[in-house]
PDB file of N, CA and C in Angstrom:
ATOM      1  N   UNK A   1     -24.107  82.172 -70.795  1.00  0.00           N
ATOM      2  CA  UNK A   1     -23.657  80.799 -70.629  1.00  0.00           C
ATOM      3  C   UNK A   1     -24.745  79.806 -71.090  1.00  0.00           C
ATOM      4  N   UNK A   2     -25.967  80.054 -70.645  1.00  0.00           N
ATOM      5  CA  UNK A   2     -27.059  79.142 -71.017  1.00  0.00           C
ATOM      6  C   UNK A   2     -27.282  79.145 -72.515  1.00  0.00           C
ATOM      7  N   UNK A   3     -27.219  80.332 -73.119  1.00  0.00           N
ATOM      8  CA  UNK A   3     -27.429  80.444 -74.568  1.00  0.00           C
ATOM      9  C   UNK A   3     -26.340  79.664 -75.307  1.00  0.00           C
ATOM     10  N   UNK A   4     -25.129  79.755 -74.827  1.00  0.00           N
ATOM     11  CA  UNK A   4     -24.006  79.016 -75.474  1.00  0.00           C
ATOM     12  C   UNK A   4     -24.268  77.512 -75.391  1.00  0.00           C
ATOM     13  N   UNK A   5     -24.689  77.057 -74.217  1.00  0.00           N
ATOM     14  CA  UNK A   5     -24.974  75.635 -74.050  1.00  0.00           C
ATOM     15  C   UNK A   5     -26.074  75.199 -75.033  1.00  0.00           C
ATOM     16  N   UNK A   6     -27.120  75.974 -75.136  1.00  0.00           N
ATOM     17  CA  UNK A   6     -28.221  75.629 -76.023  1.00  0.00           C
ATOM     18  C   UNK A   6     -27.772  75.643 -77.488  1.00  0.00           C
ATOM     19  N   UNK A   7     -26.967  76.606 -77.867  1.00  0.00           N
ATOM     20  CA  UNK A   7     -26.486  76.693 -79.245  1.00  0.00           C
ATOM     21  C   UNK A   7     -25.572  75.503 -79.582  1.00  0.00           C
ATOM     22  N   UNK A   8     -24.661  75.175 -78.675  1.00  0.00           N
ATOM     23  CA  UNK A   8     -23.766  74.042 -78.900  1.00  0.00           C
ATOM     24  C   UNK A   8     -24.570  72.748 -78.955  1.00  0.00           C
ATOM     25  N   UNK A   9     -25.509  72.578 -78.036  1.00  0.00           N
ATOM     26  CA  UNK A   9     -26.343  71.363 -78.034  1.00  0.00           C
ATOM     27  C   UNK A   9     -27.089  71.256 -79.341  1.00  0.00           C
ATOM     28  N   UNK A  10     -27.721  72.320 -79.773  1.00  0.00           N
ATOM     29  CA  UNK A  10     -28.457  72.290 -81.058  1.00  0.00           C
ATOM     30  C   UNK A  10     -27.550  71.972 -82.238  1.00  0.00           C
ATOM     31  N   UNK A  11     -26.387  72.581 -82.262  1.00  0.00           N
ATOM     32  CA  UNK A  11     -25.466  72.313 -83.366  1.00  0.00           C
ATOM     33  C   UNK A  11     -25.003  70.857 -83.373  1.00  0.00           C
ATOM     34  N   UNK A  12     -24.693  70.321 -82.210  1.00  0.00           N
ATOM     35  CA  UNK A  12     -24.246  68.925 -82.133  1.00  0.00           C
ATOM     36  C   UNK A  12     -25.402  67.984 -82.514  1.00  0.00           C
ATOM     37  N   UNK A  13     -26.586  68.289 -82.056  1.00  0.00           N
ATOM     38  CA  UNK A  13     -27.745  67.465 -82.361  1.00  0.00           C
ATOM     39  C   UNK A  13     -28.012  67.419 -83.860  1.00  0.00           C
ATOM     40  N   UNK A  14     -27.994  68.584 -84.495  1.00  0.00           N
ATOM     41  CA  UNK A  14     -28.247  68.638 -85.914  1.00  0.00           C
ATOM     42  C   UNK A  14     -27.103  68.079 -86.746  1.00  0.00           C
ATOM     43  N   UNK A  15     -25.879  68.210 -86.237  1.00  0.00           N
ATOM     44  CA  UNK A  15     -24.730  67.586 -86.925  1.00  0.00           C
ATOM     45  C   UNK A  15     -24.848  66.064 -86.847  1.00  0.00           C
ATOM     46  N   UNK A  16     -25.301  65.534 -85.749  1.00  0.00           N
ATOM     47  CA  UNK A  16     -25.507  64.094 -85.626  1.00  0.00           C
ATOM     48  C   UNK A  16     -26.554  63.619 -86.618  1.00  0.00           C
ATOM     49  N   UNK A  17     -27.586  64.389 -86.834  1.00  0.00           N
ATOM     50  CA  UNK A  17     -28.601  64.044 -87.821  1.00  0.00           C
ATOM     51  C   UNK A  17     -28.006  64.083 -89.217  1.00  0.00           C
ATOM     52  N   UNK A  18     -27.235  65.143 -89.508  1.00  0.00           N
ATOM     53  CA  UNK A  18     -26.643  65.302 -90.829  1.00  0.00           C
ATOM     54  C   UNK A  18     -25.678  64.161 -91.145  1.00  0.00           C
ATOM     55  N   UNK A  19     -24.980  63.664 -90.140  1.00  0.00           N
ATOM     56  CA  UNK A  19     -24.050  62.565 -90.341  1.00  0.00           C
ATOM     57  C   UNK A  19     -24.724  61.193 -90.317  1.00  0.00           C
ATOM     58  N   UNK A  20     -26.024  61.182 -90.048  1.00  0.00           N
ATOM     59  CA  UNK A  20     -26.742  59.921 -90.015  1.00  0.00           C
ATOM     60  C   UNK A  20     -26.655  59.167 -88.692  1.00  0.00           C
ATOM     61  N   UNK A  21     -26.095  59.796 -87.675  1.00  0.00           N
ATOM     62  CA  UNK A  21     -25.976  59.146 -86.381  1.00  0.00           C
ATOM     63  C   UNK A  21     -27.279  59.135 -85.614  1.00  0.00           C
ATOM     64  N   UNK A  22     -28.151  60.129 -85.898  1.00  0.00           N
ATOM     65  CA  UNK A  22     -29.449  60.199 -85.267  1.00  0.00           C
ATOM     66  C   UNK A  22     -30.520  60.415 -86.350  1.00  0.00           C
ATOM     67  N   UNK A  23     -31.689  59.940 -86.105  1.00  0.00           N
ATOM     68  CA  UNK A  23     -32.819  60.151 -86.990  1.00  0.00           C
ATOM     69  C   UNK A  23     -33.341  61.575 -86.783  1.00  0.00           C
ATOM     70  N   UNK A  24     -33.967  62.140 -87.816  1.00  0.00           N
ATOM     71  CA  UNK A  24     -34.500  63.498 -87.733  1.00  0.00           C
ATOM     72  C   UNK A  24     -35.560  63.631 -86.634  1.00  0.00           C
ATOM     73  N   UNK A  25     -36.173  62.518 -86.301  1.00  0.00           N
ATOM     74  CA  UNK A  25     -37.209  62.520 -85.259  1.00  0.00           C
ATOM     75  C   UNK A  25     -36.627  62.960 -83.905  1.00  0.00           C
ATOM     76  N   UNK A  26     -35.370  62.693 -83.659  1.00  0.00           N
ATOM     77  CA  UNK A  26     -34.773  63.039 -82.358  1.00  0.00           C
ATOM     78  C   UNK A  26     -34.815  64.534 -82.092  1.00  0.00           C
ATOM     79  N   UNK A  27     -34.278  65.396 -82.972  1.00  0.00           N
ATOM     80  CA  UNK A  27     -34.381  66.823 -82.683  1.00  0.00           C
ATOM     81  C   UNK A  27     -35.821  67.332 -82.681  1.00  0.00           C
ATOM     82  N   UNK A  28     -36.703  66.677 -83.476  1.00  0.00           N
ATOM     83  CA  UNK A  28     -38.105  67.076 -83.468  1.00  0.00           C
ATOM     84  C   UNK A  28     -38.722  66.785 -82.094  1.00  0.00           C
ATOM     85  N   UNK A  29     -38.375  65.643 -81.506  1.00  0.00           N
ATOM     86  CA  UNK A  29     -38.863  65.307 -80.172  1.00  0.00           C
ATOM     87  C   UNK A  29     -38.308  66.287 -79.129  1.00  0.00           C
ATOM     88  N   UNK A  30     -37.043  66.656 -79.265  1.00  0.00           N
ATOM     89  CA  UNK A  30     -36.444  67.607 -78.341  1.00  0.00           C
ATOM     90  C   UNK A  30     -37.188  68.945 -78.425  1.00  0.00           C
ATOM     91  N   UNK A  31     -37.473  69.393 -79.625  1.00  0.00           N
ATOM     92  CA  UNK A  31     -38.204  70.654 -79.787  1.00  0.00           C
ATOM     93  C   UNK A  31     -39.610  70.564 -79.195  1.00  0.00           C
ATOM     94  N   UNK A  32     -40.307  69.475 -79.507  1.00  0.00           N
ATOM     95  CA  UNK A  32     -41.672  69.283 -78.990  1.00  0.00           C
ATOM     96  C   UNK A  32     -41.658  69.178 -77.451  1.00  0.00           C
ATOM     97  N   UNK A  33     -40.757  68.384 -76.904  1.00  0.00           N
ATOM     98  CA  UNK A  33     -40.701  68.247 -75.463  1.00  0.00           C
ATOM     99  C   UNK A  33     -40.250  69.559 -74.795  1.00  0.00           C
ATOM    100  N   UNK A  34     -39.428  70.337 -75.454  1.00  0.00           N
ATOM    101  CA  UNK A  34     -39.020  71.624 -74.909  1.00  0.00           C
ATOM    102  C   UNK A  34     -40.201  72.576 -74.863  1.00  0.00           C
ATOM    103  N   UNK A  35     -41.013  72.552 -75.896  1.00  0.00           N
ATOM    104  CA  UNK A  35     -42.209  73.392 -75.921  1.00  0.00           C
ATOM    105  C   UNK A  35     -43.164  72.990 -74.785  1.00  0.00           C
ATOM    106  N   UNK A  36     -43.412  71.715 -74.649  1.00  0.00           N
ATOM    107  CA  UNK A  36     -44.298  71.213 -73.599  1.00  0.00           C
ATOM    108  C   UNK A  36     -43.752  71.585 -72.227  1.00  0.00           C
ATOM    109  N   UNK A  37     -42.429  71.425 -72.047  1.00  0.00           N
ATOM    110  CA  UNK A  37     -41.820  71.728 -70.751  1.00  0.00           C
ATOM    111  C   UNK A  37     -41.849  73.224 -70.458  1.00  0.00           C
ATOM    112  N   UNK A  38     -41.609  74.066 -71.466  1.00  0.00           N
ATOM    113  CA  UNK A  38     -41.685  75.491 -71.318  1.00  0.00           C
ATOM    114  C   UNK A  38     -43.076  75.906 -70.844  1.00  0.00           C
ATOM    115  N   UNK A  39     -44.108  75.335 -71.476  1.00  0.00           N
ATOM    116  CA  UNK A  39     -45.487  75.635 -71.098  1.00  0.00           C
ATOM    117  C   UNK A  39     -45.765  75.168 -69.676  1.00  0.00           C
ATOM    118  N   UNK A  40     -45.267  73.966 -69.308  1.00  0.00           N
ATOM    119  CA  UNK A  40     -45.496  73.436 -67.976  1.00  0.00           C
ATOM    120  C   UNK A  40     -44.863  74.355 -66.925  1.00  0.00           C
ATOM    121  N   UNK A  41     -43.680  74.863 -67.188  1.00  0.00           N
ATOM    122  CA  UNK A  41     -43.040  75.797 -66.256  1.00  0.00           C
ATOM    123  C   UNK A  41     -43.863  77.105 -66.158  1.00  0.00           C
ATOM    124  N   UNK A  42     -44.332  77.584 -67.282  1.00  0.00           N
ATOM    125  CA  UNK A  42     -45.158  78.812 -67.269  1.00  0.00           C
ATOM    126  C   UNK A  42     -46.415  78.620 -66.477  1.00  0.00           C
ATOM    127  N   UNK A  43     -47.089  77.481 -66.694  1.00  0.00           N
ATOM    128  CA  UNK A  43     -48.316  77.209 -65.935  1.00  0.00           C
ATOM    129  C   UNK A  43     -48.044  77.077 -64.452  1.00  0.00           C
ATOM    130  N   UNK A  44     -46.930  76.408 -64.137  1.00  0.00           N
ATOM    131  CA  UNK A  44     -46.564  76.254 -62.708  1.00  0.00           C
ATOM    132  C   UNK A  44     -46.256  77.596 -62.053  1.00  0.00           C
ATOM    133  N   UNK A  45     -45.568  78.455 -62.775  1.00  0.00           N
ATOM    134  CA  UNK A  45     -45.248  79.794 -62.233  1.00  0.00           C
ATOM    135  C   UNK A  45     -46.543  80.537 -61.958  1.00  0.00           C
ATOM    136  N   UNK A  46     -47.456  80.503 -62.945  1.00  0.00           N
ATOM    137  CA  UNK A  46     -48.747  81.193 -62.767  1.00  0.00           C
ATOM    138  C   UNK A  46     -49.528  80.628 -61.582  1.00  0.00           C
ATOM    139  N   UNK A  47     -49.519  79.309 -61.459  1.00  0.00           N
ATOM    140  CA  UNK A  47     -50.212  78.664 -60.313  1.00  0.00           C
ATOM    141  C   UNK A  47     -49.569  79.071 -58.997  1.00  0.00           C
ATOM    142  N   UNK A  48     -48.250  79.154 -59.001  1.00  0.00           N
ATOM    143  CA  UNK A  48     -47.537  79.572 -57.799  1.00  0.00           C
ATOM    144  C   UNK A  48     -47.970  80.971 -57.366  1.00  0.00           C
ATOM    145  N   UNK A  49     -48.081  81.876 -58.310  1.00  0.00           N
ATOM    146  CA  UNK A  49     -48.477  83.253 -57.999  1.00  0.00           C
ATOM    147  C   UNK A  49     -49.909  83.357 -57.531  1.00  0.00           C
ATOM    148  N   UNK A  50     -50.771  82.451 -58.043  1.00  0.00           N
ATOM    149  CA  UNK A  50     -52.183  82.459 -57.646  1.00  0.00           C
ATOM    150  C   UNK A  50     -52.495  81.601 -56.443  1.00  0.00           C
ATOM    151  N   UNK A  51     -51.537  80.824 -56.006  1.00  0.00           N
ATOM    152  CA  UNK A  51     -51.780  79.907 -54.903  1.00  0.00           C
ATOM    153  C   UNK A  51     -52.630  78.703 -55.319  1.00  0.00           C
ATOM    154  N   UNK A  52     -52.583  78.386 -56.594  1.00  0.00           N
ATOM    155  CA  UNK A  52     -53.412  77.310 -57.136  1.00  0.00           C
ATOM    156  C   UNK A  52     -52.603  75.991 -57.195  1.00  0.00           C
ATOM    157  N   UNK A  53     -53.240  74.964 -57.749  1.00  0.00           N
ATOM    158  CA  UNK A  53     -52.587  73.649 -57.900  1.00  0.00           C
ATOM    159  C   UNK A  53     -51.320  73.791 -58.695  1.00  0.00           C
ATOM    160  N   UNK A  54     -50.262  73.116 -58.204  1.00  0.00           N
ATOM    161  CA  UNK A  54     -48.935  73.212 -58.818  1.00  0.00           C
ATOM    162  C   UNK A  54     -48.565  71.921 -59.551  1.00  0.00           C
ATOM    163  N   UNK A  55     -47.672  72.083 -60.539  1.00  0.00           N
ATOM    164  CA  UNK A  55     -47.093  70.936 -61.198  1.00  0.00           C
ATOM    165  C   UNK A  55     -45.977  70.424 -60.295  1.00  0.00           C
ATOM    166  N   UNK A  56     -45.942  69.092 -60.083  1.00  0.00           N
ATOM    167  CA  UNK A  56     -44.933  68.565 -59.174  1.00  0.00           C
ATOM    168  C   UNK A  56     -43.519  68.748 -59.774  1.00  0.00           C
ATOM    169  N   UNK A  57     -42.583  68.868 -58.870  1.00  0.00           N
ATOM    170  CA  UNK A  57     -41.185  68.948 -59.323  1.00  0.00           C
ATOM    171  C   UNK A  57     -40.780  67.702 -60.065  1.00  0.00           C
ATOM    172  N   UNK A  58     -41.293  66.564 -59.634  1.00  0.00           N
ATOM    173  CA  UNK A  58     -40.953  65.304 -60.313  1.00  0.00           C
ATOM    174  C   UNK A  58     -41.413  65.334 -61.767  1.00  0.00           C
ATOM    175  N   UNK A  59     -42.586  65.910 -62.025  1.00  0.00           N
ATOM    176  CA  UNK A  59     -43.080  66.029 -63.408  1.00  0.00           C
ATOM    177  C   UNK A  59     -42.190  66.935 -64.209  1.00  0.00           C
ATOM    178  N   UNK A  60     -41.786  68.061 -63.625  1.00  0.00           N
ATOM    179  CA  UNK A  60     -40.912  69.000 -64.348  1.00  0.00           C
ATOM    180  C   UNK A  60     -39.582  68.312 -64.668  1.00  0.00           C
ATOM    181  N   UNK A  61     -39.056  67.527 -63.726  1.00  0.00           N
ATOM    182  CA  UNK A  61     -37.802  66.834 -63.969  1.00  0.00           C
ATOM    183  C   UNK A  61     -37.967  65.734 -65.039  1.00  0.00           C
ATOM    184  N   UNK A  62     -39.057  65.014 -65.010  1.00  0.00           N
ATOM    185  CA  UNK A  62     -39.261  63.988 -66.037  1.00  0.00           C
ATOM    186  C   UNK A  62     -39.370  64.604 -67.440  1.00  0.00           C
ATOM    187  N   UNK A  63     -40.073  65.729 -67.529  1.00  0.00           N
ATOM    188  CA  UNK A  63     -40.146  66.418 -68.832  1.00  0.00           C
ATOM    189  C   UNK A  63     -38.762  66.828 -69.321  1.00  0.00           C
ATOM    190  N   UNK A  64     -37.948  67.332 -68.397  1.00  0.00           N
ATOM    191  CA  UNK A  64     -36.564  67.707 -68.765  1.00  0.00           C
ATOM    192  C   UNK A  64     -35.766  66.487 -69.184  1.00  0.00           C
ATOM    193  N   UNK A  65     -35.898  65.405 -68.425  1.00  0.00           N
ATOM    194  CA  UNK A  65     -35.142  64.175 -68.728  1.00  0.00           C
ATOM    195  C   UNK A  65     -35.478  63.618 -70.094  1.00  0.00           C
ATOM    196  N   UNK A  66     -36.753  63.667 -70.472  1.00  0.00           N
ATOM    197  CA  UNK A  66     -37.189  63.108 -71.726  1.00  0.00           C
ATOM    198  C   UNK A  66     -37.057  64.073 -72.897  1.00  0.00           C
ATOM    199  N   UNK A  67     -36.118  65.009 -72.808  1.00  0.00           N
ATOM    200  CA  UNK A  67     -35.792  65.855 -73.915  1.00  0.00           C
ATOM    201  C   UNK A  67     -36.210  67.294 -73.781  1.00  0.00           C
ATOM    202  N   UNK A  68     -36.925  67.648 -72.722  1.00  0.00           N
ATOM    203  CA  UNK A  68     -37.434  69.002 -72.588  1.00  0.00           C
ATOM    204  C   UNK A  68     -36.522  69.960 -71.839  1.00  0.00           C
ATOM    205  N   UNK A  69     -35.294  69.499 -71.536  1.00  0.00           N
ATOM    206  CA  UNK A  69     -34.433  70.392 -70.728  1.00  0.00           C
ATOM    207  C   UNK A  69     -34.113  71.725 -71.396  1.00  0.00           C
ATOM    208  N   UNK A  70     -33.971  71.786 -72.748  1.00  0.00           N
ATOM    209  CA  UNK A  70     -33.729  73.150 -73.311  1.00  0.00           C
ATOM    210  C   UNK A  70     -34.907  74.095 -73.030  1.00  0.00           C
ATOM    211  N   UNK A  71     -36.127  73.596 -73.154  1.00  0.00           N
ATOM    212  CA  UNK A  71     -37.287  74.409 -72.839  1.00  0.00           C
ATOM    213  C   UNK A  71     -37.365  74.774 -71.377  1.00  0.00           C
ATOM    214  N   UNK A  72     -36.950  73.823 -70.500  1.00  0.00           N
ATOM    215  CA  UNK A  72     -36.907  74.077 -69.067  1.00  0.00           C
ATOM    216  C   UNK A  72     -35.911  75.180 -68.736  1.00  0.00           C
ATOM    217  N   UNK A  73     -34.769  75.096 -69.349  1.00  0.00           N
ATOM    218  CA  UNK A  73     -33.729  76.116 -69.100  1.00  0.00           C
ATOM    219  C   UNK A  73     -34.179  77.496 -69.533  1.00  0.00           C
ATOM    220  N   UNK A  74     -34.791  77.576 -70.680  1.00  0.00           N
ATOM    221  CA  UNK A  74     -35.310  78.850 -71.167  1.00  0.00           C
ATOM    222  C   UNK A  74     -36.422  79.362 -70.259  1.00  0.00           C
ATOM    223  N   UNK A  75     -37.319  78.451 -69.850  1.00  0.00           N
ATOM    224  CA  UNK A  75     -38.423  78.856 -68.975  1.00  0.00           C
ATOM    225  C   UNK A  75     -37.942  79.289 -67.609  1.00  0.00           C
ATOM    226  N   UNK A  76     -36.936  78.619 -67.060  1.00  0.00           N
ATOM    227  CA  UNK A  76     -36.400  79.033 -65.782  1.00  0.00           C
ATOM    228  C   UNK A  76     -35.912  80.465 -65.809  1.00  0.00           C
ATOM    229  N   UNK A  77     -35.253  80.812 -66.906  1.00  0.00           N
ATOM    230  CA  UNK A  77     -34.739  82.188 -67.025  1.00  0.00           C
ATOM    231  C   UNK A  77     -35.847  83.173 -67.351  1.00  0.00           C
ATOM    232  N   UNK A  78     -36.735  82.782 -68.256  1.00  0.00           N
ATOM    233  CA  UNK A  78     -37.811  83.694 -68.697  1.00  0.00           C
ATOM    234  C   UNK A  78     -38.761  84.010 -67.572  1.00  0.00           C
ATOM    235  N   UNK A  79     -39.183  82.960 -66.811  1.00  0.00           N
ATOM    236  CA  UNK A  79     -40.155  83.152 -65.749  1.00  0.00           C
ATOM    237  C   UNK A  79     -39.548  83.382 -64.371  1.00  0.00           C
ATOM    238  N   UNK A  80     -38.217  83.282 -64.296  1.00  0.00           N
ATOM    239  CA  UNK A  80     -37.528  83.345 -63.001  1.00  0.00           C
ATOM    240  C   UNK A  80     -38.155  82.360 -62.048  1.00  0.00           C
ATOM    241  N   UNK A  81     -38.221  81.128 -62.520  1.00  0.00           N
ATOM    242  CA  UNK A  81     -38.922  80.087 -61.791  1.00  0.00           C
ATOM    243  C   UNK A  81     -37.976  78.912 -61.496  1.00  0.00           C
ATOM    244  N   UNK A  82     -37.885  78.533 -60.245  1.00  0.00           N
ATOM    245  CA  UNK A  82     -37.067  77.393 -59.802  1.00  0.00           C
ATOM    246  C   UNK A  82     -35.577  77.668 -59.909  1.00  0.00           C
ATOM    247  N   UNK A  83     -35.172  78.884 -60.044  1.00  0.00           N
ATOM    248  CA  UNK A  83     -33.746  79.189 -60.218  1.00  0.00           C
ATOM    249  C   UNK A  83     -33.011  79.284 -58.899  1.00  0.00           C
ATOM    250  N   UNK A  84     -33.700  79.519 -57.804  1.00  0.00           N
ATOM    251  CA  UNK A  84     -33.035  79.670 -56.498  1.00  0.00           C
ATOM    252  C   UNK A  84     -33.084  78.427 -55.638  1.00  0.00           C
ATOM    253  N   UNK A  85     -33.802  77.434 -56.058  1.00  0.00           N
ATOM    254  CA  UNK A  85     -33.933  76.192 -55.282  1.00  0.00           C
ATOM    255  C   UNK A  85     -32.750  75.295 -55.603  1.00  0.00           C
ATOM    256  N   UNK A  86     -31.788  75.234 -54.715  1.00  0.00           N
ATOM    257  CA  UNK A  86     -30.563  74.453 -54.958  1.00  0.00           C
ATOM    258  C   UNK A  86     -30.809  73.001 -55.226  1.00  0.00           C
ATOM    259  N   UNK A  87     -31.680  72.390 -54.454  1.00  0.00           N
ATOM    260  CA  UNK A  87     -31.984  70.967 -54.640  1.00  0.00           C
ATOM    261  C   UNK A  87     -32.599  70.724 -56.016  1.00  0.00           C
ATOM    262  N   UNK A  88     -33.513  71.609 -56.390  1.00  0.00           N
ATOM    263  CA  UNK A  88     -34.169  71.475 -57.695  1.00  0.00           C
ATOM    264  C   UNK A  88     -33.129  71.611 -58.809  1.00  0.00           C
ATOM    265  N   UNK A  89     -32.273  72.601 -58.708  1.00  0.00           N
ATOM    266  CA  UNK A  89     -31.258  72.836 -59.710  1.00  0.00           C
ATOM    267  C   UNK A  89     -30.296  71.667 -59.837  1.00  0.00           C
ATOM    268  N   UNK A  90     -29.959  71.037 -58.695  1.00  0.00           N
ATOM    269  CA  UNK A  90     -29.049  69.891 -58.732  1.00  0.00           C
ATOM    270  C   UNK A  90     -29.665  68.727 -59.529  1.00  0.00           C
ATOM    271  N   UNK A  91     -30.944  68.491 -59.257  1.00  0.00           N
ATOM    272  CA  UNK A  91     -31.638  67.398 -59.972  1.00  0.00           C
ATOM    273  C   UNK A  91     -31.813  67.789 -61.442  1.00  0.00           C
ATOM    274  N   UNK A  92     -32.140  69.063 -61.703  1.00  0.00           N
ATOM    275  CA  UNK A  92     -32.320  69.500 -63.077  1.00  0.00           C
ATOM    276  C   UNK A  92     -31.044  69.268 -63.891  1.00  0.00           C
ATOM    277  N   UNK A  93     -29.916  69.703 -63.374  1.00  0.00           N
ATOM    278  CA  UNK A  93     -28.664  69.546 -64.123  1.00  0.00           C
ATOM    279  C   UNK A  93     -28.257  68.070 -64.273  1.00  0.00           C
ATOM    280  N   UNK A  94     -28.700  67.245 -63.322  1.00  0.00           N
ATOM    281  CA  UNK A  94     -28.493  65.807 -63.472  1.00  0.00           C
ATOM    282  C   UNK A  94     -29.324  65.271 -64.638  1.00  0.00           C
ATOM    283  N   UNK A  95     -30.555  65.782 -64.784  1.00  0.00           N
ATOM    284  CA  UNK A  95     -31.390  65.322 -65.914  1.00  0.00           C
ATOM    285  C   UNK A  95     -30.764  65.771 -67.241  1.00  0.00           C
ATOM    286  N   UNK A  96     -30.145  66.956 -67.249  1.00  0.00           N
ATOM    287  CA  UNK A  96     -29.498  67.425 -68.490  1.00  0.00           C
ATOM    288  C   UNK A  96     -28.384  66.470 -68.872  1.00  0.00           C
ATOM    289  N   UNK A  97     -27.544  66.121 -67.931  1.00  0.00           N
ATOM    290  CA  UNK A  97     -26.424  65.200 -68.202  1.00  0.00           C
ATOM    291  C   UNK A  97     -26.933  63.843 -68.616  1.00  0.00           C
ATOM    292  N   UNK A  98     -27.949  63.331 -67.926  1.00  0.00           N
ATOM    293  CA  UNK A  98     -28.508  62.007 -68.299  1.00  0.00           C
ATOM    294  C   UNK A  98     -29.130  62.032 -69.687  1.00  0.00           C
ATOM    295  N   UNK A  99     -29.788  63.139 -70.028  1.00  0.00           N
ATOM    296  CA  UNK A  99     -30.386  63.249 -71.357  1.00  0.00           C
ATOM    297  C   UNK A  99     -29.302  63.267 -72.421  1.00  0.00           C
ATOM    298  N   UNK A 100     -28.215  63.963 -72.184  1.00  0.00           N
ATOM    299  CA  UNK A 100     -27.120  64.012 -73.151  1.00  0.00           C
ATOM    300  C   UNK A 100     -26.476  62.643 -73.292  1.00  0.00           C
ATOM    301  N   UNK A 101     -26.310  61.935 -72.185  1.00  0.00           N
ATOM    302  CA  UNK A 101     -25.748  60.576 -72.241  1.00  0.00           C
ATOM    303  C   UNK A 101     -26.657  59.639 -73.041  1.00  0.00           C
ATOM    304  N   UNK A 102     -27.968  59.784 -72.864  1.00  0.00           N
ATOM    305  CA  UNK A 102     -28.922  58.993 -73.617  1.00  0.00           C
ATOM    306  C   UNK A 102     -28.803  59.312 -75.102  1.00  0.00           C
ATOM    307  N   UNK A 103     -28.677  60.558 -75.462  1.00  0.00           N
ATOM    308  CA  UNK A 103     -28.506  60.911 -76.877  1.00  0.00           C
ATOM    309  C   UNK A 103     -27.221  60.387 -77.448  1.00  0.00           C
ATOM    310  N   UNK A 104     -26.165  60.437 -76.693  1.00  0.00           N
ATOM    311  CA  UNK A 104     -24.887  59.867 -77.138  1.00  0.00           C
ATOM    312  C   UNK A 104     -25.073  58.352 -77.358  1.00  0.00           C
ATOM    313  N   UNK A 105     -25.742  57.715 -76.430  1.00  0.00           N
ATOM    314  CA  UNK A 105     -26.011  56.281 -76.598  1.00  0.00           C
ATOM    315  C   UNK A 105     -26.818  55.974 -77.846  1.00  0.00           C
ATOM    316  N   UNK A 106     -27.840  56.767 -78.083  1.00  0.00           N
ATOM    317  CA  UNK A 106     -28.643  56.596 -79.306  1.00  0.00           C
ATOM    318  C   UNK A 106     -27.798  56.774 -80.555  1.00  0.00           C
ATOM    319  N   UNK A 107     -26.938  57.772 -80.527  1.00  0.00           N
ATOM    320  CA  UNK A 107     -26.140  58.108 -81.708  1.00  0.00           C
ATOM    321  C   UNK A 107     -25.085  57.038 -82.006  1.00  0.00           C
ATOM    322  N   UNK A 108     -24.525  56.432 -81.013  1.00  0.00           N
ATOM    323  CA  UNK A 108     -23.397  55.574 -81.239  1.00  0.00           C
ATOM    324  C   UNK A 108     -23.656  54.073 -81.070  1.00  0.00           C
ATOM    325  N   UNK A 109     -24.774  53.721 -80.446  1.00  0.00           N
ATOM    326  CA  UNK A 109     -25.044  52.309 -80.222  1.00  0.00           C
ATOM    327  C   UNK A 109     -26.273  51.793 -80.973  1.00  0.00           C
ATOM    328  N   UNK A 110     -26.991  52.691 -81.640  1.00  0.00           N
ATOM    329  CA  UNK A 110     -28.208  52.215 -82.376  1.00  0.00           C
ATOM    330  C   UNK A 110     -28.156  52.627 -83.798  1.00  0.00           C
TER     331      UNK A 110
END
């Protein structure tokens, strides 16, 4: 299911660029933010296992909101991190929807 969502999102994003609705910078930002977010999740998982300083959930959510949600989704599955916390997942999926609405707004109103 997650893979399908990511594939559809990527296809729609690149189709919007091809049609001129979005600038090429938008998918590049999504890829960059996804990489940063994936790394942040990995570091947080490692810190969790070591009992070290953790990345705040608010930071993880902000990274997802600002385009890093694909990387967050992949990291959650890869590291098995934050997948069982219902409150965290509710906020995460809210950031996904808000990010998609923002992209729709960029595509159609700017």
